[in-house]
Amino acid sequence: MKNSIKYIAVLMLSVLMTSCWTDKSKRNYQYMPDMYESVGYETYSVNPSFKNGLTSQLPVEGTIARGHAFPYEYENTTEGYELAKAELTSPIEATAANLENGKAMYTIYCISCHGKKGAGDGVLVKREKFLGIPNYKDRDINAGTIYHVIMHGRNMMGSHSSQLTETERWQVTMYVEQLRNDLIK
């Protein structure tokens, strides 16, 4: 019995040693070889995997890009501005937390031009870098127009849609409405 264990151990050791010196250029068996050697297609080349035979495919109709909850359907025109004024309302609830974050975002992105209270007297206006910044009190604005201007910009103000998320844009809109109400009083 002891001898047979020794023979089995020597046999296993020899198999193990010979397996280390096999030809490395030959591949072993592959499970799902397409994963190891995938077929790469050029962007505009013919691809038999699709019905239309094209490699470059258009996105599926009705899909929405990552990071966007819904597409903004108001165009950057005067008509789009007026339509946003008539139709667009905030989808988020006016809470203290939303107003607080709106104030924080306003402080970062808006205060330098529009001023602390929305009177159009920010630091850049005082230094005469920009002139004619509107006072919120003098404007006929609502949530729809404020959001629209944040999205597309207006006159000298550029778009801030890339700096703020959708929720943050609505929070800033809420805060600007509060500033406007405070100025009117």
C-alpha atoms as a PDB file:
ATOM      1  CA  MET A   1       0.000   0.000   0.000  1.00  0.00           C
ATOM      2  CA  LYS A   2       2.793   2.415   0.885  1.00  0.00           C
ATOM      3  CA  ASN A   3       4.538   1.639  -2.389  1.00  0.00           C
ATOM      4  CA  SER A   4       1.408   2.331  -4.438  1.00  0.00           C
ATOM      5  CA  ILE A   5       1.052   5.765  -2.789  1.00  0.00           C
ATOM      6  CA  LYS A   6       4.671   6.500  -3.687  1.00  0.00           C
ATOM      7  CA  TYR A   7       4.088   5.371  -7.298  1.00  0.00           C
ATOM      8  CA  ILE A   8       0.966   7.554  -7.590  1.00  0.00           C
ATOM      9  CA  ALA A   9       2.826  10.580  -6.131  1.00  0.00           C
ATOM     10  CA  VAL A  10       5.754  10.111  -8.564  1.00  0.00           C
ATOM     11  CA  LEU A  11       3.328   9.698 -11.485  1.00  0.00           C
ATOM     12  CA  MET A  12       1.419  12.874 -10.546  1.00  0.00           C
ATOM     13  CA  LEU A  13       4.666  14.791 -10.116  1.00  0.00           C
ATOM     14  CA  SER A  14       5.897  13.680 -13.545  1.00  0.00           C
ATOM     15  CA  VAL A  15       2.594  14.683 -15.173  1.00  0.00           C
ATOM     16  CA  LEU A  16       2.779  18.030 -13.451  1.00  0.00           C
ATOM     17  CA  MET A  17       6.370  18.587 -14.566  1.00  0.00           C
ATOM     18  CA  THR A  18       5.712  17.633 -18.183  1.00  0.00           C
ATOM     19  CA  SER A  19       2.719  19.957 -18.360  1.00  0.00           C
ATOM     20  CA  CYS A  20       5.012  22.912 -17.652  1.00  0.00           C
ATOM     21  CA  TRP A  21       7.130  22.281 -20.762  1.00  0.00           C
ATOM     22  CA  THR A  22       4.457  22.012 -23.412  1.00  0.00           C
ATOM     23  CA  ASP A  23       4.370  24.150 -26.555  1.00  0.00           C
ATOM     24  CA  LYS A  24       3.038  27.570 -25.439  1.00  0.00           C
ATOM     25  CA  SER A  25       2.229  28.714 -28.986  1.00  0.00           C
ATOM     26  CA  LYS A  26      -0.661  26.258 -29.179  1.00  0.00           C
ATOM     27  CA  ARG A  27      -3.867  27.385 -27.505  1.00  0.00           C
ATOM     28  CA  ASN A  28      -5.790  25.109 -25.263  1.00  0.00           C
ATOM     29  CA  TYR A  29      -9.437  24.469 -25.840  1.00  0.00           C
ATOM     30  CA  GLN A  30     -11.527  27.597 -25.627  1.00  0.00           C
ATOM     31  CA  TYR A  31     -14.997  27.941 -24.249  1.00  0.00           C
ATOM     32  CA  MET A  32     -16.811  30.560 -26.361  1.00  0.00           C
ATOM     33  CA  PRO A  33     -13.879  31.492 -28.632  1.00  0.00           C
ATOM     34  CA  ASP A  34     -15.612  34.671 -29.875  1.00  0.00           C
ATOM     35  CA  MET A  35     -14.942  36.229 -26.483  1.00  0.00           C
ATOM     36  CA  TYR A  36     -11.201  35.663 -26.882  1.00  0.00           C
ATOM     37  CA  GLU A  37     -10.944  36.688 -30.526  1.00  0.00           C
ATOM     38  CA  SER A  38     -13.780  39.103 -31.197  1.00  0.00           C
ATOM     39  CA  VAL A  39     -14.502  40.346 -34.661  1.00  0.00           C
ATOM     40  CA  GLY A  40     -13.923  44.078 -34.801  1.00  0.00           C
ATOM     41  CA  TYR A  41     -15.830  46.029 -37.411  1.00  0.00           C
ATOM     42  CA  GLU A  42     -14.901  49.426 -38.742  1.00  0.00           C
ATOM     43  CA  THR A  43     -17.470  52.137 -37.997  1.00  0.00           C
ATOM     44  CA  TYR A  44     -19.054  52.421 -41.447  1.00  0.00           C
ATOM     45  CA  SER A  45     -18.281  48.927 -42.747  1.00  0.00           C
ATOM     46  CA  VAL A  46     -20.740  46.155 -43.569  1.00  0.00           C
ATOM     47  CA  ASN A  47     -21.869  44.130 -40.561  1.00  0.00           C
ATOM     48  CA  PRO A  48     -23.856  40.920 -41.067  1.00  0.00           C
ATOM     49  CA  SER A  49     -25.167  41.019 -37.481  1.00  0.00           C
ATOM     50  CA  PHE A  50     -27.745  43.718 -38.239  1.00  0.00           C
ATOM     51  CA  LYS A  51     -30.714  43.619 -40.606  1.00  0.00           C
ATOM     52  CA  ASN A  52     -29.648  46.740 -42.478  1.00  0.00           C
ATOM     53  CA  GLY A  53     -26.043  45.521 -42.710  1.00  0.00           C
ATOM     54  CA  LEU A  54     -24.541  48.665 -41.177  1.00  0.00           C
ATOM     55  CA  THR A  55     -22.137  48.736 -38.249  1.00  0.00           C
ATOM     56  CA  SER A  56     -23.042  52.256 -37.146  1.00  0.00           C
ATOM     57  CA  GLN A  57     -26.586  52.194 -35.761  1.00  0.00           C
ATOM     58  CA  LEU A  58     -28.828  55.079 -34.775  1.00  0.00           C
ATOM     59  CA  PRO A  59     -30.109  55.142 -31.192  1.00  0.00           C
ATOM     60  CA  VAL A  60     -33.480  53.589 -30.598  1.00  0.00           C
ATOM     61  CA  GLU A  61     -36.306  56.072 -31.116  1.00  0.00           C
ATOM     62  CA  GLY A  62     -37.615  57.571 -27.879  1.00  0.00           C
ATOM     63  CA  THR A  63     -34.478  56.849 -25.839  1.00  0.00           C
ATOM     64  CA  ILE A  64     -33.064  59.438 -23.452  1.00  0.00           C
ATOM     65  CA  ALA A  65     -29.373  60.118 -22.902  1.00  0.00           C
ATOM     66  CA  ARG A  66     -27.800  59.231 -19.558  1.00  0.00           C
ATOM     67  CA  GLY A  67     -28.150  61.849 -16.885  1.00  0.00           C
ATOM     68  CA  HIS A  68     -31.275  63.355 -18.414  1.00  0.00           C
ATOM     69  CA  ALA A  69     -34.612  62.563 -16.820  1.00  0.00           C
ATOM     70  CA  PHE A  70     -36.587  63.936 -19.734  1.00  0.00           C
ATOM     71  CA  PRO A  71     -35.774  65.784 -22.941  1.00  0.00           C
ATOM     72  CA  TYR A  72     -36.181  69.549 -22.807  1.00  0.00           C
ATOM     73  CA  GLU A  73     -38.609  70.230 -25.617  1.00  0.00           C
ATOM     74  CA  TYR A  74     -38.652  74.032 -25.663  1.00  0.00           C
ATOM     75  CA  GLU A  75     -36.528  75.493 -28.445  1.00  0.00           C
ATOM     76  CA  ASN A  76     -34.033  78.286 -27.993  1.00  0.00           C
ATOM     77  CA  THR A  77     -36.278  80.845 -29.679  1.00  0.00           C
ATOM     78  CA  THR A  78     -38.609  83.615 -28.587  1.00  0.00           C
ATOM     79  CA  GLU A  79     -41.512  81.264 -29.268  1.00  0.00           C
ATOM     80  CA  GLY A  80     -39.875  78.600 -27.092  1.00  0.00           C
ATOM     81  CA  TYR A  81     -39.402  81.168 -24.328  1.00  0.00           C
ATOM     82  CA  GLU A  82     -43.068  82.215 -24.498  1.00  0.00           C
ATOM     83  CA  LEU A  83     -44.202  78.578 -24.601  1.00  0.00           C
ATOM     84  CA  ALA A  84     -42.070  77.773 -21.528  1.00  0.00           C
ATOM     85  CA  LYS A  85     -43.592  80.802 -19.799  1.00  0.00           C
ATOM     86  CA  ALA A  86     -47.098  79.520 -20.484  1.00  0.00           C
ATOM     87  CA  GLU A  87     -46.632  75.782 -19.909  1.00  0.00           C
ATOM     88  CA  LEU A  88     -43.518  74.892 -17.909  1.00  0.00           C
ATOM     89  CA  THR A  89     -43.852  74.286 -14.170  1.00  0.00           C
ATOM     90  CA  SER A  90     -41.513  72.839 -11.590  1.00  0.00           C
ATOM     91  CA  PRO A  91     -41.745  69.073 -11.070  1.00  0.00           C
ATOM     92  CA  ILE A  92     -40.053  69.230  -7.653  1.00  0.00           C
ATOM     93  CA  GLU A  93     -41.595  70.224  -4.375  1.00  0.00           C
ATOM     94  CA  ALA A  94     -40.763  73.591  -2.823  1.00  0.00           C
ATOM     95  CA  THR A  95     -39.113  72.466   0.400  1.00  0.00           C
ATOM     96  CA  ALA A  96     -36.590  74.143   2.688  1.00  0.00           C
ATOM     97  CA  ALA A  97     -33.905  71.704   1.531  1.00  0.00           C
ATOM     98  CA  ASN A  98     -34.564  72.486  -2.139  1.00  0.00           C
ATOM     99  CA  LEU A  99     -34.493  76.231  -1.482  1.00  0.00           C
ATOM    100  CA  GLU A 100     -31.274  75.883   0.525  1.00  0.00           C
ATOM    101  CA  ASN A 101     -29.556  73.989  -2.294  1.00  0.00           C
ATOM    102  CA  GLY A 102     -30.986  76.493  -4.793  1.00  0.00           C
ATOM    103  CA  LYS A 103     -29.388  79.287  -2.758  1.00  0.00           C
ATOM    104  CA  ALA A 104     -26.068  77.419  -2.708  1.00  0.00           C
ATOM    105  CA  MET A 105     -26.148  76.932  -6.496  1.00  0.00           C
ATOM    106  CA  TYR A 106     -27.219  80.563  -7.005  1.00  0.00           C
ATOM    107  CA  THR A 107     -24.266  81.675  -4.896  1.00  0.00           C
ATOM    108  CA  ILE A 108     -21.898  79.659  -7.070  1.00  0.00           C
ATOM    109  CA  TYR A 109     -23.239  80.421 -10.540  1.00  0.00           C
ATOM    110  CA  CYS A 110     -25.460  83.519 -10.464  1.00  0.00           C
ATOM    111  CA  ILE A 111     -24.456  85.922  -7.691  1.00  0.00           C
ATOM    112  CA  SER A 112     -21.440  87.347  -9.529  1.00  0.00           C
ATOM    113  CA  CYS A 113     -23.726  88.965 -12.121  1.00  0.00           C
ATOM    114  CA  HIS A 114     -27.225  89.110 -10.608  1.00  0.00           C
ATOM    115  CA  GLY A 115     -26.154  90.070  -7.094  1.00  0.00           C
ATOM    116  CA  LYS A 116     -27.024  88.710  -3.684  1.00  0.00           C
ATOM    117  CA  LYS A 117     -30.680  89.772  -3.838  1.00  0.00           C
ATOM    118  CA  GLY A 118     -31.240  89.536  -7.607  1.00  0.00           C
ATOM    119  CA  ALA A 119     -31.052  93.277  -8.191  1.00  0.00           C
ATOM    120  CA  GLY A 120     -28.560  92.987 -11.068  1.00  0.00           C
ATOM    121  CA  ASP A 121     -25.754  94.474  -8.964  1.00  0.00           C
ATOM    122  CA  GLY A 122     -23.241  91.660  -8.782  1.00  0.00           C
ATOM    123  CA  VAL A 123     -19.485  92.068  -8.505  1.00  0.00           C
ATOM    124  CA  LEU A 124     -18.984  91.812 -12.278  1.00  0.00           C
ATOM    125  CA  VAL A 125     -21.544  94.584 -12.848  1.00  0.00           C
ATOM    126  CA  LYS A 126     -19.848  96.807 -10.248  1.00  0.00           C
ATOM    127  CA  ARG A 127     -16.518  96.261 -12.010  1.00  0.00           C
ATOM    128  CA  GLU A 128     -18.254  97.073 -15.312  1.00  0.00           C
ATOM    129  CA  LYS A 129     -17.377  93.717 -16.869  1.00  0.00           C
ATOM    130  CA  PHE A 130     -21.037  93.259 -17.819  1.00  0.00           C
ATOM    131  CA  LEU A 131     -23.626  95.976 -18.060  1.00  0.00           C
ATOM    132  CA  GLY A 132     -27.399  95.762 -18.274  1.00  0.00           C
ATOM    133  CA  ILE A 133     -27.904  92.749 -16.001  1.00  0.00           C
ATOM    134  CA  PRO A 134     -31.640  92.680 -15.282  1.00  0.00           C
ATOM    135  CA  ASN A 135     -33.183  93.209 -11.894  1.00  0.00           C
ATOM    136  CA  TYR A 136     -35.612  90.359 -11.157  1.00  0.00           C
ATOM    137  CA  LYS A 137     -38.171  92.884  -9.890  1.00  0.00           C
ATOM    138  CA  ASP A 138     -38.382  94.579 -13.312  1.00  0.00           C
ATOM    139  CA  ARG A 139     -38.957  91.383 -15.295  1.00  0.00           C
ATOM    140  CA  ASP A 140     -42.144  89.532 -16.131  1.00  0.00           C
ATOM    141  CA  ILE A 141     -40.759  86.097 -15.274  1.00  0.00           C
ATOM    142  CA  ASN A 142     -42.038  82.856 -13.812  1.00  0.00           C
ATOM    143  CA  ALA A 143     -40.640  79.373 -13.154  1.00  0.00           C
ATOM    144  CA  GLY A 144     -40.889  78.414 -16.832  1.00  0.00           C
ATOM    145  CA  THR A 145     -38.955  81.424 -18.114  1.00  0.00           C
ATOM    146  CA  ILE A 146     -36.304  81.211 -15.409  1.00  0.00           C
ATOM    147  CA  TYR A 147     -35.704  77.522 -16.157  1.00  0.00           C
ATOM    148  CA  HIS A 148     -35.694  78.224 -19.901  1.00  0.00           C
ATOM    149  CA  VAL A 149     -33.031  80.929 -19.515  1.00  0.00           C
ATOM    150  CA  ILE A 150     -30.912  78.634 -17.338  1.00  0.00           C
ATOM    151  CA  MET A 151     -31.217  75.948 -20.028  1.00  0.00           C
ATOM    152  CA  HIS A 152     -30.533  78.054 -23.130  1.00  0.00           C
ATOM    153  CA  GLY A 153     -29.269  81.405 -21.889  1.00  0.00           C
ATOM    154  CA  ARG A 154     -30.653  84.733 -23.065  1.00  0.00           C
ATOM    155  CA  ASN A 155     -29.035  87.860 -24.477  1.00  0.00           C
ATOM    156  CA  MET A 156     -25.562  88.032 -22.866  1.00  0.00           C
ATOM    157  CA  MET A 157     -26.240  85.260 -20.364  1.00  0.00           C
ATOM    158  CA  GLY A 158     -24.974  81.895 -21.536  1.00  0.00           C
ATOM    159  CA  SER A 159     -26.542  78.525 -20.882  1.00  0.00           C
ATOM    160  CA  HIS A 160     -25.893  76.914 -17.505  1.00  0.00           C
ATOM    161  CA  SER A 161     -27.446  73.559 -18.394  1.00  0.00           C
ATOM    162  CA  SER A 162     -24.076  71.804 -18.436  1.00  0.00           C
ATOM    163  CA  GLN A 163     -23.086  73.131 -15.000  1.00  0.00           C
ATOM    164  CA  LEU A 164     -26.302  72.238 -13.193  1.00  0.00           C
ATOM    165  CA  THR A 165     -28.260  69.019 -13.066  1.00  0.00           C
ATOM    166  CA  GLU A 166     -31.964  69.092 -13.826  1.00  0.00           C
ATOM    167  CA  THR A 167     -32.868  69.107 -10.129  1.00  0.00           C
ATOM    168  CA  GLU A 168     -30.346  71.854  -9.365  1.00  0.00           C
ATOM    169  CA  ARG A 169     -31.778  73.997 -12.199  1.00  0.00           C
ATOM    170  CA  TRP A 170     -35.245  73.713 -10.652  1.00  0.00           C
ATOM    171  CA  GLN A 171     -33.834  74.507  -7.210  1.00  0.00           C
ATOM    172  CA  VAL A 172     -32.155  77.652  -8.551  1.00  0.00           C
ATOM    173  CA  THR A 173     -35.434  78.537 -10.259  1.00  0.00           C
ATOM    174  CA  MET A 174     -37.255  78.266  -6.925  1.00  0.00           C
ATOM    175  CA  TYR A 175     -34.661  80.438  -5.227  1.00  0.00           C
ATOM    176  CA  VAL A 176     -34.814  83.097  -7.971  1.00  0.00           C
ATOM    177  CA  GLU A 177     -38.612  83.175  -7.626  1.00  0.00           C
ATOM    178  CA  GLN A 178     -38.184  83.726  -3.876  1.00  0.00           C
ATOM    179  CA  LEU A 179     -35.689  86.556  -4.506  1.00  0.00           C
ATOM    180  CA  ARG A 180     -38.095  88.155  -6.986  1.00  0.00           C
ATOM    181  CA  ASN A 181     -40.949  87.978  -4.481  1.00  0.00           C
ATOM    182  CA  ASP A 182     -38.730  89.563  -1.824  1.00  0.00           C
ATOM    183  CA  LEU A 183     -37.821  92.422  -4.199  1.00  0.00           C
ATOM    184  CA  ILE A 184     -41.440  93.090  -5.142  1.00  0.00           C
ATOM    185  CA  LYS A 185     -42.558  93.404  -1.500  1.00  0.00           C
END
